Amino acid sequence: MTTPSSDPAKIHPAIAQTLVRTIESYDVNANALLIQAGVDLDFQKQTSSRIDGGKIDDIWRLALEATNDDAIGIKFASHFRLGSLHGLGFSWAASSTLMDAFDRLSRYFAVISNVGKVRVKEVDNCVEVALVLPVPYGIAEDSAIDSALALFMHLCRIVHSNQLKPLRVEFQRPKPKASQSFDNFFQCPIQYGAKEDKLVFNSKDMREELSIANPDLARANDQVVIDYLRKHEAQHIVGKVTALIIDALPSGTPNQNGIADQLAMSSKTLQRRLSAEDTSFSKLLDEVRLDLAKKYLLQEWRSIGEICYMLGYSEPSNFTRWFKKNIDLSPAEYRSNKIS
């Protein structure tokens, strides 16, 4: 899969490893398909390398041909291992609610792929979870999209209940021959030929406290995820800008011109490339600051003054006003609520 930006699609090896297990469940020689797709078989022994997204799409296409089952993406979910995504799976499992879990998935989706995003939006009494790719429908294999939505649903059932059902599911793809398998898995109305690929949940289900929630464990695994992203997103424009913002903040508020200079490009080019990723410099700056502020405030040994400095603010009052504007709580109130 290619993208409008110059950054090639890269996929976490756990996706390919899960796909291999899925293919083998059909008694099909998965290694033969990997060789056809030009994938180095040694990737199965690795956990840190990334795989070309176009080759993953080729494996999906070959797998569909070999199995003649257009529900293979649905069956993918049951072969996924929770601990295979560098802390993201464990952060998910330790989340307080499904809404919290999907917020994490949205924030850290780059662990899975450096293209696309998960958009979580609440509408009336429903929560929509959409998989949004930066390419027109038809570029990515249908089975790959099926597998993503099925995996999201599978993860929900792991932490909530096997009986959990969405209100509905929407696919851009046409109705598959094996549509009964889709019905059996999602257990809700399914719309094909839709404008987006998404799951729609009842808000009440999404905000129900999960019995296995563990905020401390979730935060610890968030750090594992953050460290992974900083290492592997260095070649992705959003990752590059994010890393430079983090490094620059203790010296004051970074600006777009300065970051563009460090990337050896004009400010307009940086703006265009970030726009292609559906973001902007100011949006990234706010997101990085807010994520770091929340993390630092949970570290009780840090004073508000120190946190203010680490986030590039010269005056604690400016930091407090900005934080309260975003969270509706002062930094001290946020710390007290989260730690108590």
Protein backbone atom coordinates (compact mmCIF):
# COMPACT_ATOMS: atom_id res chain seq x y z
CA MET A 1 0.00 0.00 0.00
CA THR A 2 1.37 3.41 -0.96
CA THR A 3 0.41 6.70 0.62
CA PRO A 4 0.14 10.29 -0.61
CA SER A 5 3.17 11.27 1.46
CA SER A 6 6.75 10.14 0.79
CA ASP A 7 6.78 7.97 3.91
CA PRO A 8 6.36 4.27 2.95
CA ALA A 9 3.79 2.19 4.80
CA LYS A 10 5.39 0.08 7.53
CA ILE A 11 3.51 -2.54 9.55
CA HIS A 12 4.34 -4.12 12.91
CA PRO A 13 5.62 -7.70 12.44
CA ALA A 14 2.95 -9.03 14.85
CA ILE A 15 0.38 -8.43 12.10
CA ALA A 16 2.30 -10.63 9.67
CA GLN A 17 2.96 -13.23 12.38
CA THR A 18 -0.77 -13.38 13.18
CA LEU A 19 -1.56 -13.66 9.48
CA VAL A 20 0.87 -16.60 9.20
CA ARG A 21 -0.95 -18.42 12.03
CA THR A 22 -4.28 -17.69 10.35
CA ILE A 23 -3.11 -19.07 6.99
CA GLU A 24 -1.68 -22.19 8.63
CA SER A 25 -5.04 -22.86 10.31
CA TYR A 26 -6.31 -23.63 6.78
CA ASP A 27 -3.50 -26.21 6.29
CA VAL A 28 -1.94 -23.89 3.71
CA ASN A 29 1.85 -23.46 3.52
CA ALA A 30 2.22 -19.89 4.80
CA ASN A 31 5.97 -19.75 4.12
CA ALA A 32 5.38 -20.39 0.44
CA LEU A 33 3.05 -17.37 0.30
CA LEU A 34 5.57 -15.22 2.19
CA ILE A 35 8.27 -16.11 -0.33
CA GLN A 36 5.90 -15.22 -3.18
CA ALA A 37 5.28 -11.86 -1.53
CA GLY A 38 9.02 -11.26 -1.16
CA VAL A 39 9.02 -11.33 2.65
CA ASP A 40 12.17 -12.48 4.46
CA LEU A 41 11.16 -15.50 6.56
CA ASP A 42 13.47 -14.35 9.37
CA PHE A 43 10.91 -11.68 10.29
CA GLN A 44 9.08 -14.36 12.32
CA LYS A 45 11.99 -14.42 14.77
CA GLN A 46 11.99 -10.65 15.19
CA THR A 47 9.88 -8.29 17.24
CA SER A 48 11.35 -4.89 16.46
CA SER A 49 11.64 -4.67 12.66
CA ARG A 50 8.83 -3.27 10.50
CA ILE A 51 7.46 -4.84 7.32
CA ASP A 52 6.61 -3.10 4.07
CA GLY A 53 2.86 -2.48 3.92
CA GLY A 54 2.69 -3.39 0.25
CA LYS A 55 4.07 -6.85 1.02
CA ILE A 56 1.47 -7.34 3.75
CA ASP A 57 -1.24 -6.54 1.22
CA ASP A 58 0.34 -9.07 -1.16
CA ILE A 59 0.20 -11.74 1.56
CA TRP A 60 -3.50 -11.00 2.14
CA ARG A 61 -4.19 -11.30 -1.59
CA LEU A 62 -2.29 -14.60 -1.87
CA ALA A 63 -3.95 -15.92 1.28
CA LEU A 64 -7.41 -15.18 -0.13
CA GLU A 65 -6.50 -17.00 -3.34
CA ALA A 66 -5.07 -20.00 -1.45
CA THR A 67 -7.95 -20.37 1.03
CA ASN A 68 -10.84 -19.20 -1.18
CA ASP A 69 -12.40 -17.82 2.00
CA ASP A 70 -13.28 -14.14 1.98
CA ALA A 71 -13.92 -14.33 5.73
CA ILE A 72 -10.22 -14.97 6.41
CA GLY A 73 -9.88 -11.45 7.85
CA ILE A 74 -12.55 -12.24 10.44
CA LYS A 75 -10.74 -15.44 11.46
CA PHE A 76 -7.50 -13.45 11.84
CA ALA A 77 -8.68 -11.99 15.17
CA SER A 78 -8.75 -15.30 17.05
CA HIS A 79 -5.07 -15.91 16.21
CA PHE A 80 -3.85 -12.60 17.66
CA ARG A 81 -1.68 -12.65 20.81
CA LEU A 82 -2.25 -9.82 23.25
CA GLY A 83 1.40 -9.40 24.21
CA SER A 84 2.74 -9.01 20.68
CA LEU A 85 2.46 -5.21 20.22
CA HIS A 86 5.19 -3.83 22.52
CA GLY A 87 3.00 -2.98 25.46
CA LEU A 88 -0.03 -1.71 23.52
CA GLY A 89 -1.99 -4.94 24.05
CA PHE A 90 -1.29 -4.91 27.79
CA SER A 91 -2.14 -1.19 28.03
CA TRP A 92 -5.43 -2.02 26.33
CA ALA A 93 -6.15 -4.86 28.74
CA ALA A 94 -5.39 -2.69 31.78
CA SER A 95 -7.52 0.27 30.63
CA SER A 96 -10.31 1.55 32.87
CA THR A 97 -13.04 1.44 30.21
CA LEU A 98 -13.39 0.54 26.54
CA MET A 99 -13.43 4.28 25.80
CA ASP A 100 -10.10 4.57 27.58
CA ALA A 101 -8.80 1.57 25.63
CA PHE A 102 -9.86 2.99 22.27
CA ASP A 103 -8.36 6.36 23.18
CA ARG A 104 -5.06 4.52 23.70
CA LEU A 105 -5.45 2.67 20.40
CA SER A 106 -6.12 5.97 18.64
CA ARG A 107 -3.16 7.69 20.30
CA TYR A 108 -0.70 4.86 19.71
CA PHE A 109 -1.98 3.36 16.45
CA ALA A 110 1.43 4.10 14.92
CA VAL A 111 2.70 1.04 16.80
CA ILE A 112 0.64 -1.07 14.40
CA SER A 113 1.11 1.02 11.26
CA ASN A 114 2.68 4.37 10.42
CA VAL A 115 -0.15 5.19 8.02
CA GLY A 116 -3.80 5.65 8.82
CA LYS A 117 -5.46 6.30 12.14
CA VAL A 118 -8.25 5.18 14.42
CA ARG A 119 -10.85 7.91 14.91
CA VAL A 120 -13.04 7.72 18.00
CA LYS A 121 -16.11 9.97 17.98
CA GLU A 122 -19.14 10.13 20.26
CA VAL A 123 -22.43 10.95 18.55
CA ASP A 124 -25.58 11.15 20.66
CA ASN A 125 -25.54 7.92 22.70
CA CYS A 126 -23.18 6.09 20.34
CA VAL A 127 -19.41 5.84 20.00
CA GLU A 128 -18.03 5.39 16.48
CA VAL A 129 -14.62 3.75 16.04
CA ALA A 130 -13.44 4.21 12.46
CA LEU A 131 -10.34 2.94 10.69
CA VAL A 132 -9.26 5.80 8.42
CA LEU A 133 -6.60 5.25 5.75
CA PRO A 134 -4.97 8.01 3.66
CA VAL A 135 -5.80 6.21 0.39
CA PRO A 136 -9.01 5.72 -1.60
CA TYR A 137 -11.04 2.54 -1.12
CA GLY A 138 -9.64 -0.36 -3.11
CA ILE A 139 -5.94 0.28 -2.46
CA ALA A 140 -5.81 -1.80 0.72
CA GLU A 141 -7.05 -5.40 0.53
CA ASP A 142 -10.60 -5.91 1.85
CA SER A 143 -9.41 -8.76 4.07
CA ALA A 144 -6.89 -6.45 5.76
CA ILE A 145 -9.67 -4.00 6.66
CA ASP A 146 -11.88 -6.89 7.81
CA SER A 147 -9.08 -8.12 10.06
CA ALA A 148 -8.61 -4.71 11.70
CA LEU A 149 -12.28 -4.28 12.64
CA ALA A 150 -12.50 -7.92 13.75
CA LEU A 151 -9.38 -7.47 15.89
CA PHE A 152 -10.82 -4.35 17.53
CA MET A 153 -13.98 -6.32 18.35
CA HIS A 154 -11.99 -9.31 19.62
CA LEU A 155 -9.97 -7.07 21.95
CA CYS A 156 -13.19 -5.54 23.30
CA ARG A 157 -14.55 -8.97 24.14
CA ILE A 158 -11.32 -10.00 25.88
CA VAL A 159 -11.63 -7.20 28.43
CA HIS A 160 -15.40 -6.73 28.55
CA SER A 161 -17.48 -9.79 27.71
CA ASN A 162 -17.80 -12.42 25.01
CA GLN A 163 -21.42 -11.32 24.71
CA LEU A 164 -20.53 -7.72 23.79
CA LYS A 165 -22.14 -6.65 20.51
CA PRO A 166 -21.76 -3.43 18.54
CA LEU A 167 -24.91 -1.56 17.53
CA ARG A 168 -23.78 -1.95 13.93
CA VAL A 169 -20.69 -2.40 11.74
CA GLU A 170 -20.01 -0.58 8.47
CA PHE A 171 -17.68 -1.73 5.70
CA GLN A 172 -16.73 0.00 2.46
CA ARG A 173 -16.27 -3.41 0.88
CA PRO A 174 -19.05 -5.19 -1.04
CA LYS A 175 -20.94 -7.97 0.70
CA PRO A 176 -18.66 -11.05 0.91
CA LYS A 177 -19.65 -14.53 -0.18
CA ALA A 178 -19.04 -15.71 3.38
CA SER A 179 -21.27 -13.00 4.89
CA GLN A 180 -22.67 -15.50 7.41
CA SER A 181 -19.23 -15.66 9.05
CA PHE A 182 -19.33 -11.87 9.44
CA ASP A 183 -22.83 -12.08 10.95
CA ASN A 184 -21.79 -14.83 13.34
CA PHE A 185 -18.76 -12.90 14.53
CA PHE A 186 -20.15 -9.38 14.96
CA GLN A 187 -23.70 -10.45 15.92
CA CYS A 188 -25.22 -7.17 14.83
CA PRO A 189 -26.49 -5.45 11.65
CA ILE A 190 -23.73 -5.00 9.04
CA GLN A 191 -23.79 -2.41 6.27
CA TYR A 192 -21.69 -3.04 3.16
CA GLY A 193 -20.79 -0.42 0.58
CA ALA A 194 -20.63 2.22 3.34
CA LYS A 195 -18.62 5.45 3.28
CA GLU A 196 -16.30 4.32 6.10
CA ASP A 197 -15.04 1.22 7.86
CA LYS A 198 -16.22 1.44 11.47
CA LEU A 199 -17.73 -0.13 14.55
CA VAL A 200 -20.57 1.66 16.34
CA PHE A 201 -21.08 0.96 20.05
CA ASN A 202 -23.55 1.94 22.74
CA SER A 203 -21.91 4.70 24.82
CA LYS A 204 -22.97 2.93 28.02
CA ASP A 205 -20.93 -0.16 27.10
CA MET A 206 -17.94 2.00 26.24
CA ARG A 207 -17.94 3.78 29.61
CA GLU A 208 -18.59 0.78 31.84
CA GLU A 209 -15.77 0.19 34.34
CA LEU A 210 -13.76 -2.89 33.35
CA SER A 211 -13.22 -5.53 36.01
CA ILE A 212 -9.54 -6.06 35.16
CA ALA A 213 -8.64 -2.36 34.99
CA ASN A 214 -5.20 -1.52 36.38
CA PRO A 215 -4.22 2.14 35.83
CA ASP A 216 -0.66 1.64 37.13
CA LEU A 217 -0.05 -1.25 34.73
CA ALA A 218 -1.64 0.70 31.89
CA ARG A 219 0.67 3.67 32.49
CA ALA A 220 3.74 1.45 32.73
CA ASN A 221 2.93 -0.17 29.39
CA ASP A 222 2.14 3.23 27.86
CA GLN A 223 5.78 4.11 28.49
CA VAL A 224 6.89 0.94 26.69
CA VAL A 225 4.71 1.98 23.75
CA ILE A 226 6.08 5.53 23.77
CA ASP A 227 9.67 4.27 23.79
CA TYR A 228 8.91 1.93 20.89
CA LEU A 229 7.34 4.74 18.88
CA ARG A 230 10.23 7.09 19.46
CA LYS A 231 12.58 4.46 18.11
CA HIS A 232 10.57 3.28 15.12
CA GLU A 233 8.79 6.43 14.00
CA ALA A 234 12.04 8.34 13.50
CA GLN A 235 11.65 8.03 9.72
CA HIS A 236 8.01 9.14 9.69
CA ILE A 237 7.35 12.87 9.42
CA VAL A 238 4.92 12.99 12.35
CA GLY A 239 7.33 10.93 14.43
CA LYS A 240 10.24 13.15 13.44
CA VAL A 241 8.39 16.33 14.37
CA THR A 242 7.10 14.81 17.61
CA ALA A 243 10.60 13.75 18.66
CA LEU A 244 12.02 17.21 17.88
CA ILE A 245 9.23 18.92 19.83
CA ILE A 246 9.89 16.72 22.87
CA ASP A 247 13.61 17.50 22.71
CA ALA A 248 13.04 21.25 22.27
CA LEU A 249 10.37 21.87 24.91
CA PRO A 250 12.68 22.31 27.94
CA SER A 251 14.31 25.22 26.09
CA GLY A 252 11.01 27.00 25.44
CA THR A 253 8.10 26.73 23.03
CA PRO A 254 9.41 25.36 19.70
CA ASN A 255 8.21 26.98 16.48
CA GLN A 256 7.48 25.55 13.06
CA ASN A 257 10.32 27.43 11.31
CA GLY A 258 12.90 26.10 13.76
CA ILE A 259 11.69 22.50 13.46
CA ALA A 260 11.55 22.79 9.66
CA ASP A 261 15.16 24.01 9.66
CA GLN A 262 16.23 20.96 11.66
CA LEU A 263 14.49 18.75 9.08
CA ALA A 264 16.23 20.59 6.22
CA MET A 265 12.98 21.69 4.62
CA SER A 266 10.98 24.88 4.31
CA SER A 267 8.20 25.72 6.73
CA LYS A 268 5.69 25.44 3.87
CA THR A 269 6.93 21.95 2.96
CA LEU A 270 6.64 20.84 6.58
CA GLN A 271 3.13 22.28 6.74
CA ARG A 272 2.15 20.43 3.55
CA ARG A 273 3.54 17.09 4.75
CA LEU A 274 1.83 17.37 8.13
CA SER A 275 -1.42 18.32 6.39
CA ALA A 276 -1.16 15.12 4.32
CA GLU A 277 -1.14 13.25 7.66
CA ASP A 278 -4.27 15.17 8.76
CA THR A 279 -2.44 17.23 11.38
CA SER A 280 -0.52 20.49 11.80
CA PHE A 281 2.45 21.75 13.77
CA SER A 282 0.31 23.57 16.33
CA LYS A 283 -1.92 20.52 16.78
CA LEU A 284 1.09 18.25 17.30
CA LEU A 285 2.61 20.70 19.76
CA ASP A 286 -0.58 20.77 21.82
CA GLU A 287 -0.98 16.97 21.68
CA VAL A 288 2.63 16.35 22.75
CA ARG A 289 2.39 18.88 25.56
CA LEU A 290 -0.89 17.48 26.83
CA ASP A 291 0.31 13.86 26.75
CA LEU A 292 3.53 14.78 28.55
CA ALA A 293 1.71 17.01 31.06
CA LYS A 294 -0.60 14.17 32.06
CA LYS A 295 2.32 11.78 32.37
CA TYR A 296 4.45 14.20 34.43
CA LEU A 297 1.57 15.12 36.75
CA LEU A 298 1.21 11.45 37.73
CA GLN A 299 4.84 11.52 38.88
CA GLU A 300 4.28 12.95 42.35
CA TRP A 301 7.93 13.84 42.89
CA ARG A 302 7.78 16.46 40.13
CA SER A 303 6.73 19.95 41.18
CA ILE A 304 4.32 21.99 39.05
CA GLY A 305 7.15 24.45 38.47
CA GLU A 306 9.43 21.71 37.11
CA ILE A 307 6.68 20.40 34.84
CA CYS A 308 6.03 23.92 33.60
CA TYR A 309 9.72 24.25 32.63
CA MET A 310 9.82 20.79 30.98
CA LEU A 311 6.88 21.77 28.77
CA GLY A 312 8.42 25.02 27.59
CA TYR A 313 6.45 27.48 29.71
CA SER A 314 8.27 30.36 31.40
CA GLU A 315 5.49 31.01 33.92
CA PRO A 316 3.44 28.44 35.88
CA SER A 317 0.35 30.65 35.51
CA ASN A 318 0.53 30.32 31.70
CA PHE A 319 0.84 26.56 31.97
CA THR A 320 -2.09 26.39 34.41
CA ARG A 321 -4.35 28.46 32.13
CA TRP A 322 -3.46 26.34 29.09
CA PHE A 323 -3.95 23.05 30.95
CA LYS A 324 -7.29 24.11 32.42
CA LYS A 325 -8.49 25.21 28.98
CA ASN A 326 -7.83 21.70 27.64
CA ILE A 327 -8.83 19.56 30.64
CA ASP A 328 -11.25 21.78 32.64
CA LEU A 329 -9.07 21.08 35.68
CA SER A 330 -6.01 22.82 37.04
CA PRO A 331 -2.80 20.77 37.06
CA ALA A 332 -3.09 20.34 40.85
CA GLU A 333 -6.71 19.20 40.58
CA TYR A 334 -5.86 16.75 37.80
CA ARG A 335 -3.01 15.28 39.88
CA SER A 336 -5.21 15.00 42.96
CA ASN A 337 -8.07 13.32 41.07
CA LYS A 338 -5.84 10.79 39.31
CA ILE A 339 -3.61 9.86 42.21
CA SER A 340 -6.18 9.80 45.04
